[in-house]
Each structure stands twice: as C-alpha cells, then as structure tokens.
C-alpha cells in the first residue's frame, strides 16, 4: 500500500516538474516585448539619475568636510 502511494506521488511530481512554468512568456507578441524594453530602459534611466544625485550629494558633503577641516587647521596656527 505504501509503495503504491509513494509511486503515485513520485509520478505526480515528475509530471508537474516536466511542465514549463512560464509557457505564456514564450508566446508574447512583439509589441509586448517592446513595451517591456521601454519600461526597463525608463527604470534604468531613473536609477542612473538617482545614482548621479547620490554622487553629487556625497561630493558636496566631502567638499564641505574638507573646507571645515581647512578652516580648523587655519585657526590652530
């Protein structure tokens, strides 16, 4: 009895694994892929803008710290 149950479970799992999970993605039209590419490009552009803003902010912070350190150094002498 246990052997039959184990065999049926194994059979069901092997059938489930053999089916492709993303079969619908393979049959997309060209327009959908184009839209997806535009969306990905826009997202990448947003990310690069954010990254550039972070870099500018870090550079300003660094310059401010340098000016402050130079000011302190002048006061000590």
PDB file of N, CA and C in Angstrom:
ATOM      1  N   UNK A   1       0.824  -1.184   0.000  1.00  0.00           N
ATOM      2  CA  UNK A   1       0.000   0.000   0.000  1.00  0.00           C
ATOM      3  C   UNK A   1       0.880   1.265   0.000  1.00  0.00           C
ATOM      4  N   UNK A   2       1.906   1.261   0.876  1.00  0.00           N
ATOM      5  CA  UNK A   2       2.786   2.424   0.950  1.00  0.00           C
ATOM      6  C   UNK A   2       3.585   2.583  -0.339  1.00  0.00           C
ATOM      7  N   UNK A   3       3.956   1.459  -0.944  1.00  0.00           N
ATOM      8  CA  UNK A   3       4.718   1.508  -2.190  1.00  0.00           C
ATOM      9  C   UNK A   3       3.894   2.135  -3.302  1.00  0.00           C
ATOM     10  N   UNK A   4       2.624   1.789  -3.356  1.00  0.00           N
ATOM     11  CA  UNK A   4       1.750   2.331  -4.392  1.00  0.00           C
ATOM     12  C   UNK A   4       1.563   3.840  -4.190  1.00  0.00           C
ATOM     13  N   UNK A   5       1.370   4.250  -2.953  1.00  0.00           N
ATOM     14  CA  UNK A   5       1.195   5.672  -2.655  1.00  0.00           C
ATOM     15  C   UNK A   5       2.465   6.458  -2.999  1.00  0.00           C
ATOM     16  N   UNK A   6       3.614   5.894  -2.651  1.00  0.00           N
ATOM     17  CA  UNK A   6       4.877   6.558  -2.956  1.00  0.00           C
ATOM     18  C   UNK A   6       5.091   6.641  -4.465  1.00  0.00           C
ATOM     19  N   UNK A   7       4.758   5.591  -5.179  1.00  0.00           N
ATOM     20  CA  UNK A   7       4.906   5.580  -6.631  1.00  0.00           C
ATOM     21  C   UNK A   7       3.991   6.621  -7.281  1.00  0.00           C
ATOM     22  N   UNK A   8       2.739   6.700  -6.818  1.00  0.00           N
ATOM     23  CA  UNK A   8       1.807   7.686  -7.374  1.00  0.00           C
ATOM     24  C   UNK A   8       2.270   9.120  -7.088  1.00  0.00           C
ATOM     25  N   UNK A   9       2.799   9.338  -5.903  1.00  0.00           N
ATOM     26  CA  UNK A   9       3.308  10.662  -5.556  1.00  0.00           C
ATOM     27  C   UNK A   9       4.502  11.023  -6.431  1.00  0.00           C
ATOM     28  N   UNK A  10       5.396  10.083  -6.620  1.00  0.00           N
ATOM     29  CA  UNK A  10       6.554  10.299  -7.480  1.00  0.00           C
ATOM     30  C   UNK A  10       6.130  10.582  -8.913  1.00  0.00           C
ATOM     31  N   UNK A  11       5.150   9.857  -9.398  1.00  0.00           N
ATOM     32  CA  UNK A  11       4.635  10.048 -10.752  1.00  0.00           C
ATOM     33  C   UNK A  11       4.009  11.437 -10.907  1.00  0.00           C
ATOM     34  N   UNK A  12       3.231  11.852  -9.916  1.00  0.00           N
ATOM     35  CA  UNK A  12       2.589  13.173  -9.974  1.00  0.00           C
ATOM     36  C   UNK A  12       3.635  14.289  -9.954  1.00  0.00           C
ATOM     37  N   UNK A  13       4.657  14.131  -9.132  1.00  0.00           N
ATOM     38  CA  UNK A  13       5.703  15.144  -9.071  1.00  0.00           C
ATOM     39  C   UNK A  13       6.506  15.221 -10.360  1.00  0.00           C
ATOM     40  N   UNK A  14       6.780  14.086 -10.972  1.00  0.00           N
ATOM     41  CA  UNK A  14       7.558  14.102 -12.213  1.00  0.00           C
ATOM     42  C   UNK A  14       6.773  14.759 -13.340  1.00  0.00           C
ATOM     43  N   UNK A  15       5.455  14.570 -13.367  1.00  0.00           N
ATOM     44  CA  UNK A  15       4.627  15.216 -14.385  1.00  0.00           C
ATOM     45  C   UNK A  15       4.594  16.728 -14.149  1.00  0.00           C
ATOM     46  N   UNK A  16       4.484  17.129 -12.896  1.00  0.00           N
ATOM     47  CA  UNK A  16       4.444  18.559 -12.568  1.00  0.00           C
ATOM     48  C   UNK A  16       5.761  19.247 -12.911  1.00  0.00           C
ATOM     49  N   UNK A  17       6.885  18.589 -12.694  1.00  0.00           N
ATOM     50  CA  UNK A  17       8.181  19.199 -12.988  1.00  0.00           C
ATOM     51  C   UNK A  17       8.447  19.289 -14.483  1.00  0.00           C
ATOM     52  N   UNK A  18       7.853  18.371 -15.255  1.00  0.00           N
ATOM     53  CA  UNK A  18       8.133  18.368 -16.686  1.00  0.00           C
ATOM     54  C   UNK A  18       7.405  19.483 -17.429  1.00  0.00           C
ATOM     55  N   UNK A  19       6.338  20.046 -16.852  1.00  0.00           N
ATOM     56  CA  UNK A  19       5.602  21.130 -17.494  1.00  0.00           C
ATOM     57  C   UNK A  19       6.354  22.450 -17.300  1.00  0.00           C
ATOM     58  N   UNK A  20       6.460  23.259 -18.358  1.00  0.00           N
ATOM     59  CA  UNK A  20       7.123  24.554 -18.198  1.00  0.00           C
ATOM     60  C   UNK A  20       6.263  25.512 -17.385  1.00  0.00           C
ATOM     61  N   UNK A  21       6.881  26.177 -16.433  1.00  0.00           N
ATOM     62  CA  UNK A  21       6.141  27.080 -15.546  1.00  0.00           C
ATOM     63  C   UNK A  21       5.795  28.383 -16.234  1.00  0.00           C
ATOM     64  N   UNK A  22       6.654  28.842 -17.153  1.00  0.00           N
ATOM     65  CA  UNK A  22       6.407  30.119 -17.808  1.00  0.00           C
ATOM     66  C   UNK A  22       6.134  29.928 -19.295  1.00  0.00           C
ATOM     67  N   UNK A  23       5.174  29.094 -19.619  1.00  0.00           N
ATOM     68  CA  UNK A  23       4.842  28.822 -21.011  1.00  0.00           C
ATOM     69  C   UNK A  23       4.230  30.044 -21.680  1.00  0.00           C
ATOM     70  N   UNK A  24       3.537  30.870 -20.932  1.00  0.00           N
ATOM     71  CA  UNK A  24       2.910  32.047 -21.521  1.00  0.00           C
ATOM     72  C   UNK A  24       3.946  33.091 -21.938  1.00  0.00           C
ATOM     73  N   UNK A  25       5.042  33.193 -21.247  1.00  0.00           N
ATOM     74  CA  UNK A  25       6.053  34.187 -21.576  1.00  0.00           C
ATOM     75  C   UNK A  25       6.682  33.921 -22.942  1.00  0.00           C
ATOM     76  N   UNK A  26       6.715  32.678 -23.362  1.00  0.00           N
ATOM     77  CA  UNK A  26       7.329  32.335 -24.637  1.00  0.00           C
ATOM     78  C   UNK A  26       6.490  32.806 -25.812  1.00  0.00           C
ATOM     79  N   UNK A  27       5.182  32.958 -25.634  1.00  0.00           N
ATOM     80  CA  UNK A  27       4.288  33.304 -26.727  1.00  0.00           C
ATOM     81  C   UNK A  27       3.896  34.778 -26.726  1.00  0.00           C
ATOM     82  N   UNK A  28       4.773  35.644 -26.323  1.00  0.00           N
ATOM     83  CA  UNK A  28       4.462  37.070 -26.276  1.00  0.00           C
ATOM     84  C   UNK A  28       4.543  37.674 -27.672  1.00  0.00           C
ATOM     85  N   UNK A  29       3.766  38.706 -27.861  1.00  0.00           N
ATOM     86  CA  UNK A  29       3.825  39.398 -29.144  1.00  0.00           C
ATOM     87  C   UNK A  29       4.987  40.381 -29.136  1.00  0.00           C
ATOM     88  N   UNK A  30       5.308  40.907 -30.295  1.00  0.00           N
ATOM     89  CA  UNK A  30       6.442  41.825 -30.413  1.00  0.00           C
ATOM     90  C   UNK A  30       6.159  43.118 -29.664  1.00  0.00           C
ATOM     91  N   UNK A  31       4.923  43.591 -29.707  1.00  0.00           N
ATOM     92  CA  UNK A  31       4.560  44.827 -29.030  1.00  0.00           C
ATOM     93  C   UNK A  31       4.759  44.754 -27.536  1.00  0.00           C
ATOM     94  N   UNK A  32       4.445  43.634 -26.949  1.00  0.00           N
ATOM     95  CA  UNK A  32       4.625  43.474 -25.504  1.00  0.00           C
ATOM     96  C   UNK A  32       6.097  43.515 -25.135  1.00  0.00           C
ATOM     97  N   UNK A  33       6.931  42.882 -25.956  1.00  0.00           N
ATOM     98  CA  UNK A  33       8.367  42.909 -25.682  1.00  0.00           C
ATOM     99  C   UNK A  33       8.915  44.319 -25.823  1.00  0.00           C
ATOM    100  N   UNK A  34       8.384  45.067 -26.784  1.00  0.00           N
ATOM    101  CA  UNK A  34       8.814  46.445 -26.991  1.00  0.00           C
ATOM    102  C   UNK A  34       8.444  47.298 -25.780  1.00  0.00           C
ATOM    103  N   UNK A  35       7.215  47.119 -25.308  1.00  0.00           N
ATOM    104  CA  UNK A  35       6.765  47.864 -24.141  1.00  0.00           C
ATOM    105  C   UNK A  35       7.624  47.541 -22.928  1.00  0.00           C
ATOM    106  N   UNK A  36       7.923  46.276 -22.791  1.00  0.00           N
ATOM    107  CA  UNK A  36       8.743  45.844 -21.657  1.00  0.00           C
ATOM    108  C   UNK A  36      10.142  46.437 -21.740  1.00  0.00           C
ATOM    109  N   UNK A  37      10.692  46.497 -22.939  1.00  0.00           N
ATOM    110  CA  UNK A  37      12.027  47.069 -23.132  1.00  0.00           C
ATOM    111  C   UNK A  37      12.023  48.557 -22.799  1.00  0.00           C
ATOM    112  N   UNK A  38      10.968  49.264 -23.226  1.00  0.00           N
ATOM    113  CA  UNK A  38      10.869  50.698 -22.914  1.00  0.00           C
ATOM    114  C   UNK A  38      10.765  50.910 -21.415  1.00  0.00           C
ATOM    115  N   UNK A  39       9.967  50.077 -20.761  1.00  0.00           N
ATOM    116  CA  UNK A  39       9.793  50.183 -19.319  1.00  0.00           C
ATOM    117  C   UNK A  39      11.121  49.932 -18.605  1.00  0.00           C
ATOM    118  N   UNK A  40      11.854  48.937 -19.068  1.00  0.00           N
ATOM    119  CA  UNK A  40      13.146  48.621 -18.447  1.00  0.00           C
ATOM    120  C   UNK A  40      14.139  49.761 -18.672  1.00  0.00           C
ATOM    121  N   UNK A  41      14.118  50.364 -19.862  1.00  0.00           N
ATOM    122  CA  UNK A  41      15.023  51.477 -20.149  1.00  0.00           C
ATOM    123  C   UNK A  41      14.697  52.674 -19.265  1.00  0.00           C
ATOM    124  N   UNK A  42      13.405  52.930 -19.098  1.00  0.00           N
ATOM    125  CA  UNK A  42      12.982  54.052 -18.259  1.00  0.00           C
ATOM    126  C   UNK A  42      13.396  53.823 -16.811  1.00  0.00           C
ATOM    127  N   UNK A  43      13.233  52.597 -16.346  1.00  0.00           N
ATOM    128  CA  UNK A  43      13.615  52.261 -14.981  1.00  0.00           C
ATOM    129  C   UNK A  43      15.131  52.420 -14.795  1.00  0.00           C
ATOM    130  N   UNK A  44      15.890  52.006 -15.790  1.00  0.00           N
ATOM    131  CA  UNK A  44      17.343  52.137 -15.736  1.00  0.00           C
ATOM    132  C   UNK A  44      17.744  53.613 -15.709  1.00  0.00           C
ATOM    133  N   UNK A  45      17.034  54.429 -16.492  1.00  0.00           N
ATOM    134  CA  UNK A  45      17.320  55.858 -16.525  1.00  0.00           C
ATOM    135  C   UNK A  45      17.048  56.491 -15.165  1.00  0.00           C
ATOM    136  N   UNK A  46      15.923  56.126 -14.550  1.00  0.00           N
ATOM    137  CA  UNK A  46      15.599  56.631 -13.219  1.00  0.00           C
ATOM    138  C   UNK A  46      16.682  56.248 -12.217  1.00  0.00           C
ATOM    139  N   UNK A  47      17.111  55.005 -12.298  1.00  0.00           N
ATOM    140  CA  UNK A  47      18.135  54.521 -11.370  1.00  0.00           C
ATOM    141  C   UNK A  47      19.435  55.297 -11.546  1.00  0.00           C
ATOM    142  N   UNK A  48      19.830  55.524 -12.801  1.00  0.00           N
ATOM    143  CA  UNK A  48      21.091  56.235 -13.029  1.00  0.00           C
ATOM    144  C   UNK A  48      20.988  57.689 -12.578  1.00  0.00           C
ATOM    145  N   UNK A  49      19.803  58.308 -12.729  1.00  0.00           N
ATOM    146  CA  UNK A  49      19.612  59.675 -12.234  1.00  0.00           C
ATOM    147  C   UNK A  49      19.740  59.717 -10.713  1.00  0.00           C
ATOM    148  N   UNK A  50      19.120  58.760 -10.046  1.00  0.00           N
ATOM    149  CA  UNK A  50      19.212  58.693  -8.590  1.00  0.00           C
ATOM    150  C   UNK A  50      20.653  58.494  -8.150  1.00  0.00           C
ATOM    151  N   UNK A  51      21.350  57.637  -8.858  1.00  0.00           N
ATOM    152  CA  UNK A  51      22.744  57.356  -8.522  1.00  0.00           C
ATOM    153  C   UNK A  51      23.595  58.600  -8.708  1.00  0.00           C
ATOM    154  N   UNK A  52      23.363  59.354  -9.777  1.00  0.00           N
ATOM    155  CA  UNK A  52      24.111  60.583 -10.030  1.00  0.00           C
ATOM    156  C   UNK A  52      23.821  61.601  -8.927  1.00  0.00           C
ATOM    157  N   UNK A  53      22.566  61.673  -8.508  1.00  0.00           N
ATOM    158  CA  UNK A  53      22.201  62.602  -7.434  1.00  0.00           C
ATOM    159  C   UNK A  53      22.915  62.228  -6.144  1.00  0.00           C
ATOM    160  N   UNK A  54      22.971  60.930  -5.840  1.00  0.00           N
ATOM    161  CA  UNK A  54      23.680  60.472  -4.643  1.00  0.00           C
ATOM    162  C   UNK A  54      25.162  60.844  -4.713  1.00  0.00           C
ATOM    163  N   UNK A  55      25.744  60.688  -5.908  1.00  0.00           N
ATOM    164  CA  UNK A  55      27.159  61.022  -6.077  1.00  0.00           C
ATOM    165  C   UNK A  55      27.404  62.509  -5.868  1.00  0.00           C
ATOM    166  N   UNK A  56      26.537  63.343  -6.449  1.00  0.00           N
ATOM    167  CA  UNK A  56      26.681  64.789  -6.272  1.00  0.00           C
ATOM    168  C   UNK A  56      26.578  65.176  -4.796  1.00  0.00           C
ATOM    169  N   UNK A  57      25.610  64.560  -4.123  1.00  0.00           N
ATOM    170  CA  UNK A  57      25.405  64.850  -2.709  1.00  0.00           C
ATOM    171  C   UNK A  57      26.633  64.437  -1.888  1.00  0.00           C
ATOM    172  N   UNK A  58      27.185  63.278  -2.199  1.00  0.00           N
ATOM    173  CA  UNK A  58      28.374  62.809  -1.480  1.00  0.00           C
ATOM    174  C   UNK A  58      29.562  63.724  -1.754  1.00  0.00           C
ATOM    175  N   UNK A  59      29.697  64.202  -2.995  1.00  0.00           N
ATOM    176  CA  UNK A  59      30.805  65.099  -3.342  1.00  0.00           C
ATOM    177  C   UNK A  59      30.674  66.417  -2.584  1.00  0.00           C
ATOM    178  N   UNK A  60      29.454  66.935  -2.509  1.00  0.00           N
ATOM    179  CA  UNK A  60      29.231  68.176  -1.760  1.00  0.00           C
ATOM    180  C   UNK A  60      29.581  67.990  -0.290  1.00  0.00           C
ATOM    181  N   UNK A  61      29.166  66.866   0.263  1.00  0.00           N
ATOM    182  CA  UNK A  61      29.440  66.575   1.666  1.00  0.00           C
ATOM    183  C   UNK A  61      30.950  66.485   1.911  1.00  0.00           C
ATOM    184  N   UNK A  62      31.656  65.853   0.982  1.00  0.00           N
ATOM    185  CA  UNK A  62      33.102  65.709   1.099  1.00  0.00           C
ATOM    186  C   UNK A  62      33.785  67.072   1.020  1.00  0.00           C
ATOM    187  N   UNK A  63      33.347  67.903   0.060  1.00  0.00           N
ATOM    188  CA  UNK A  63      33.935  69.236  -0.083  1.00  0.00           C
ATOM    189  C   UNK A  63      33.690  70.084   1.160  1.00  0.00           C
ATOM    190  N   UNK A  64      32.492  69.973   1.704  1.00  0.00           N
ATOM    191  CA  UNK A  64      32.171  70.724   2.913  1.00  0.00           C
ATOM    192  C   UNK A  64      33.081  70.295   4.071  1.00  0.00           C
ATOM    193  N   UNK A  65      33.280  69.000   4.195  1.00  0.00           N
ATOM    194  CA  UNK A  65      34.145  68.484   5.254  1.00  0.00           C
ATOM    195  C   UNK A  65      35.579  68.968   5.059  1.00  0.00           C
ATOM    196  N   UNK A  66      36.029  69.020   3.792  1.00  0.00           N
ATOM    197  CA  UNK A  66      37.388  69.498   3.506  1.00  0.00           C
ATOM    198  C   UNK A  66      37.542  70.971   3.882  1.00  0.00           C
ATOM    199  N   UNK A  67      36.543  71.776   3.532  1.00  0.00           N
ATOM    200  CA  UNK A  67      36.593  73.209   3.879  1.00  0.00           C
ATOM    201  C   UNK A  67      36.614  73.393   5.397  1.00  0.00           C
ATOM    202  N   UNK A  68      35.791  72.614   6.078  1.00  0.00           N
ATOM    203  CA  UNK A  68      35.709  72.702   7.530  1.00  0.00           C
ATOM    204  C   UNK A  68      37.049  72.313   8.167  1.00  0.00           C
ATOM    205  N   UNK A  69      37.667  71.261   7.646  1.00  0.00           N
ATOM    206  CA  UNK A  69      38.965  70.822   8.178  1.00  0.00           C
ATOM    207  C   UNK A  69      40.034  71.871   7.920  1.00  0.00           C
ATOM    208  N   UNK A  70      40.005  72.493   6.746  1.00  0.00           N
ATOM    209  CA  UNK A  70      40.989  73.524   6.415  1.00  0.00           C
ATOM    210  C   UNK A  70      40.798  74.737   7.330  1.00  0.00           C
ATOM    211  N   UNK A  71      39.549  75.063   7.605  1.00  0.00           N
ATOM    212  CA  UNK A  71      39.252  76.188   8.484  1.00  0.00           C
ATOM    213  C   UNK A  71      39.790  75.920   9.892  1.00  0.00           C
ATOM    214  N   UNK A  72      39.576  74.700  10.367  1.00  0.00           N
ATOM    215  CA  UNK A  72      40.088  74.328  11.690  1.00  0.00           C
ATOM    216  C   UNK A  72      41.608  74.403  11.733  1.00  0.00           C
ATOM    217  N   UNK A  73      42.223  73.972  10.626  1.00  0.00           N
ATOM    218  CA  UNK A  73      43.695  73.956  10.564  1.00  0.00           C
ATOM    219  C   UNK A  73      44.218  75.378  10.605  1.00  0.00           C
ATOM    220  N   UNK A  74      43.556  76.315   9.920  1.00  0.00           N
ATOM    221  CA  UNK A  74      43.995  77.708   9.924  1.00  0.00           C
ATOM    222  C   UNK A  74      43.853  78.338  11.309  1.00  0.00           C
ATOM    223  N   UNK A  75      42.843  77.966  12.022  1.00  0.00           N
ATOM    224  CA  UNK A  75      42.624  78.520  13.362  1.00  0.00           C
ATOM    225  C   UNK A  75      43.709  78.058  14.344  1.00  0.00           C
ATOM    226  N   UNK A  76      44.190  76.863  14.168  1.00  0.00           N
ATOM    227  CA  UNK A  76      45.182  76.302  15.087  1.00  0.00           C
ATOM    228  C   UNK A  76      46.536  76.981  14.928  1.00  0.00           C
ATOM    229  N   UNK A  77      46.849  77.458  13.764  1.00  0.00           N
ATOM    230  CA  UNK A  77      48.182  78.039  13.537  1.00  0.00           C
ATOM    231  C   UNK A  77      48.232  79.510  13.835  1.00  0.00           C
TER     232      UNK A  77
END
